[in-house]
Amino acid sequence: MAPSLNFFLFLAIALFLTIQSNATFDYSLQSPSPSPSTQIFNIKGENNIPSFVKTSMVGSMAKTQEFIKNVIEKKLATGANLDHFHKDCLKTCKETYESAIDSMEKTTADVKDQDFYKANVDLSAVYSFIETCHDCIVETKEKDDGDFQKFETWVKGIAHDCLGKVVAEYYKN
């Protein structure tokens, strides 16, 4: 049985309410890998949402893997002085970021199949996974959370941009 339009609308509104309306997203995560392209038109000048979302998700997956390796795993490896709450939090962040990567992969497949409803759900999951790590970092009062905050802002910005385009495409069809 297909989900009702009211459920989809509720889900979209709930997600948009969690995003600060006056937030400005900083996409400038310092990294050797390129940021996803913001170009959404193909050569003919037609709107190409699947290409935009795929490019954004592929770039985000690479940067998320890079963040796990260069920040989370390094903190875990060098964190002999960390108490068990901080270690558990870092492990939680690693797991949730890996789950976010899985949802990014699903989103890419969803838009390829033109299943914008499912892409909306998977993009919402990406946002939720990132937020879970944020909650953990806040609860542990991590002193050096600048890396996490900067990455979180960047990836939420990408998810927000993609979600807006996916929702618009869903209602267009």
Protein backbone atom coordinates (compact mmCIF):
# COMPACT_ATOMS: atom_id res chain seq x y z
CA MET A 1 0.00 0.00 0.00
CA ALA A 2 1.46 3.35 -1.05
CA PRO A 3 2.05 5.93 1.69
CA SER A 4 -0.54 8.69 1.73
CA LEU A 5 0.19 12.19 0.56
CA ASN A 6 -0.64 13.47 4.06
CA PHE A 7 2.10 11.28 5.55
CA PHE A 8 4.64 12.55 3.01
CA LEU A 9 3.59 16.14 3.63
CA PHE A 10 3.88 15.63 7.39
CA LEU A 11 7.35 14.13 6.98
CA ALA A 12 8.52 16.99 4.75
CA ILE A 13 7.13 19.66 7.08
CA ALA A 14 8.65 17.97 10.13
CA LEU A 15 12.06 17.95 8.47
CA PHE A 16 11.84 21.56 7.37
CA LEU A 17 10.84 22.63 10.88
CA THR A 18 14.02 21.10 12.27
CA ILE A 19 16.16 23.25 9.99
CA GLN A 20 16.86 26.78 11.17
CA SER A 21 15.17 29.17 8.79
CA ASN A 22 17.97 31.72 9.04
CA ALA A 23 20.82 29.21 8.92
CA THR A 24 23.63 29.82 6.50
CA PHE A 25 25.52 26.75 5.49
CA ASP A 26 29.29 26.73 5.20
CA TYR A 27 30.30 24.23 2.55
CA SER A 28 33.99 24.95 2.89
CA LEU A 29 35.14 21.81 4.70
CA GLN A 30 38.91 21.82 4.35
CA SER A 31 39.65 18.74 2.31
CA PRO A 32 41.66 17.64 -0.70
CA SER A 33 38.53 16.18 -2.33
CA PRO A 34 36.29 18.49 -4.34
CA SER A 35 32.92 19.70 -3.13
CA PRO A 36 29.84 18.49 -4.97
CA SER A 37 28.78 20.53 -7.96
CA THR A 38 25.87 22.89 -7.64
CA GLN A 39 25.18 22.84 -11.39
CA ILE A 40 21.76 21.25 -11.95
CA PHE A 41 21.24 21.88 -15.65
CA ASN A 42 22.36 19.52 -18.38
CA ILE A 43 23.84 20.62 -21.71
CA LYS A 44 20.39 21.30 -23.18
CA GLY A 45 19.59 23.60 -20.24
CA GLU A 46 17.07 21.18 -18.76
CA ASN A 47 16.74 20.74 -15.02
CA ASN A 48 18.68 17.62 -14.02
CA ILE A 49 17.80 16.86 -10.41
CA PRO A 50 19.00 13.21 -10.46
CA SER A 51 22.43 14.29 -11.67
CA PHE A 52 22.66 17.04 -9.04
CA VAL A 53 21.62 14.68 -6.22
CA LYS A 54 23.95 11.91 -7.42
CA THR A 55 26.90 14.30 -7.64
CA SER A 56 26.10 15.74 -4.22
CA MET A 57 25.72 12.31 -2.60
CA VAL A 58 28.89 10.88 -4.16
CA GLY A 59 30.88 13.88 -2.94
CA SER A 60 29.23 13.70 0.48
CA MET A 61 29.97 9.98 0.82
CA ALA A 62 33.65 10.63 0.07
CA LYS A 63 33.87 13.50 2.54
CA THR A 64 32.04 11.51 5.21
CA GLN A 65 34.46 8.60 4.78
CA GLU A 66 37.31 11.08 4.96
CA PHE A 67 35.89 12.63 8.14
CA ILE A 68 35.49 9.22 9.77
CA LYS A 69 39.09 8.34 8.94
CA ASN A 70 40.77 11.69 9.63
CA VAL A 71 38.82 12.87 12.66
CA ILE A 72 36.82 10.15 14.41
CA GLU A 73 39.23 7.25 14.02
CA LYS A 74 42.21 9.47 14.90
CA LYS A 75 40.48 10.67 18.07
CA LEU A 76 39.68 7.08 18.98
CA ALA A 77 43.26 5.95 18.29
CA THR A 78 44.92 8.78 20.18
CA GLY A 79 42.31 9.12 22.90
CA ALA A 80 43.94 7.14 25.68
CA ASN A 81 42.85 9.87 28.09
CA LEU A 82 39.22 9.80 26.95
CA ASP A 83 36.67 8.51 29.42
CA HIS A 84 34.28 5.77 28.33
CA PHE A 85 31.50 8.31 27.58
CA HIS A 86 33.66 10.11 25.01
CA LYS A 87 34.84 6.85 23.47
CA ASP A 88 31.28 5.55 23.24
CA CYS A 89 30.20 8.82 21.68
CA LEU A 90 32.93 8.68 19.05
CA LYS A 91 32.01 5.08 18.27
CA THR A 92 28.36 6.13 17.98
CA CYS A 93 29.33 8.93 15.60
CA LYS A 94 31.35 6.54 13.49
CA GLU A 95 28.42 4.11 13.27
CA THR A 96 25.85 6.79 12.51
CA TYR A 97 28.06 8.40 9.87
CA GLU A 98 28.53 4.99 8.24
CA SER A 99 24.74 4.60 8.30
CA ALA A 100 24.45 8.05 6.74
CA ILE A 101 26.73 6.88 3.92
CA ASP A 102 24.41 3.90 3.35
CA SER A 103 21.44 6.28 3.16
CA MET A 104 23.35 8.48 0.70
CA GLU A 105 23.94 5.42 -1.50
CA LYS A 106 20.22 4.58 -1.32
CA THR A 107 19.33 8.16 -2.19
CA THR A 108 21.50 7.97 -5.30
CA ALA A 109 19.71 4.78 -6.40
CA ASP A 110 16.32 6.29 -5.56
CA VAL A 111 16.75 9.34 -7.78
CA LYS A 112 18.18 7.19 -10.56
CA ASP A 113 14.93 5.18 -10.40
CA GLN A 114 12.93 8.44 -10.22
CA ASP A 115 11.54 7.34 -6.82
CA PHE A 116 11.54 10.78 -5.23
CA TYR A 117 9.36 9.74 -2.30
CA LYS A 118 11.92 7.12 -1.23
CA ALA A 119 14.75 9.58 -1.89
CA ASN A 120 13.03 11.98 0.52
CA VAL A 121 12.92 9.28 3.20
CA ASP A 122 16.57 8.34 2.68
CA LEU A 123 17.73 11.98 2.71
CA SER A 124 15.76 12.51 5.92
CA ALA A 125 17.61 9.52 7.37
CA VAL A 126 20.96 11.12 6.47
CA TYR A 127 19.93 14.21 8.39
CA SER A 128 18.77 12.10 11.34
CA PHE A 129 22.01 10.11 11.51
CA ILE A 130 24.09 13.30 11.52
CA GLU A 131 21.85 14.76 14.23
CA THR A 132 22.36 11.65 16.39
CA CYS A 133 26.10 12.28 16.44
CA HIS A 134 25.50 15.95 17.20
CA ASP A 135 23.36 15.02 20.21
CA CYS A 136 26.09 12.73 21.49
CA ILE A 137 28.81 15.36 21.11
CA VAL A 138 26.67 17.94 22.92
CA GLU A 139 25.92 15.53 25.78
CA THR A 140 29.60 14.71 26.33
CA LYS A 141 30.52 18.39 26.18
CA GLU A 142 33.29 17.57 23.71
CA LYS A 143 35.80 20.43 24.03
CA ASP A 144 37.20 20.14 20.50
CA ASP A 145 33.91 19.91 18.62
CA GLY A 146 34.90 22.43 15.95
CA ASP A 147 35.63 19.64 13.49
CA PHE A 148 32.29 18.00 14.18
CA GLN A 149 30.37 21.26 14.03
CA LYS A 150 31.92 22.31 10.74
CA PHE A 151 31.35 18.92 9.14
CA GLU A 152 27.80 18.67 10.49
CA THR A 153 26.92 22.09 9.10
CA TRP A 154 28.36 21.19 5.70
CA VAL A 155 26.66 17.80 5.34
CA LYS A 156 23.32 19.12 6.62
CA GLY A 157 23.56 21.88 4.02
CA ILE A 158 24.08 19.32 1.26
CA ALA A 159 21.18 17.20 2.55
CA HIS A 160 18.99 20.31 2.80
CA ASP A 161 19.77 21.37 -0.78
CA CYS A 162 19.13 17.88 -2.14
CA LEU A 163 15.98 17.43 -0.10
CA GLY A 164 14.53 20.67 -1.42
CA LYS A 165 15.13 19.56 -4.98
CA VAL A 166 13.81 16.03 -4.38
CA VAL A 167 10.62 17.30 -2.73
CA ALA A 168 10.04 19.78 -5.57
CA GLU A 169 10.56 17.02 -8.12
CA TYR A 170 8.17 14.72 -6.23
CA TYR A 171 5.39 17.30 -6.32
CA LYS A 172 6.11 18.11 -9.96
CA ASN A 173 5.44 14.52 -11.01
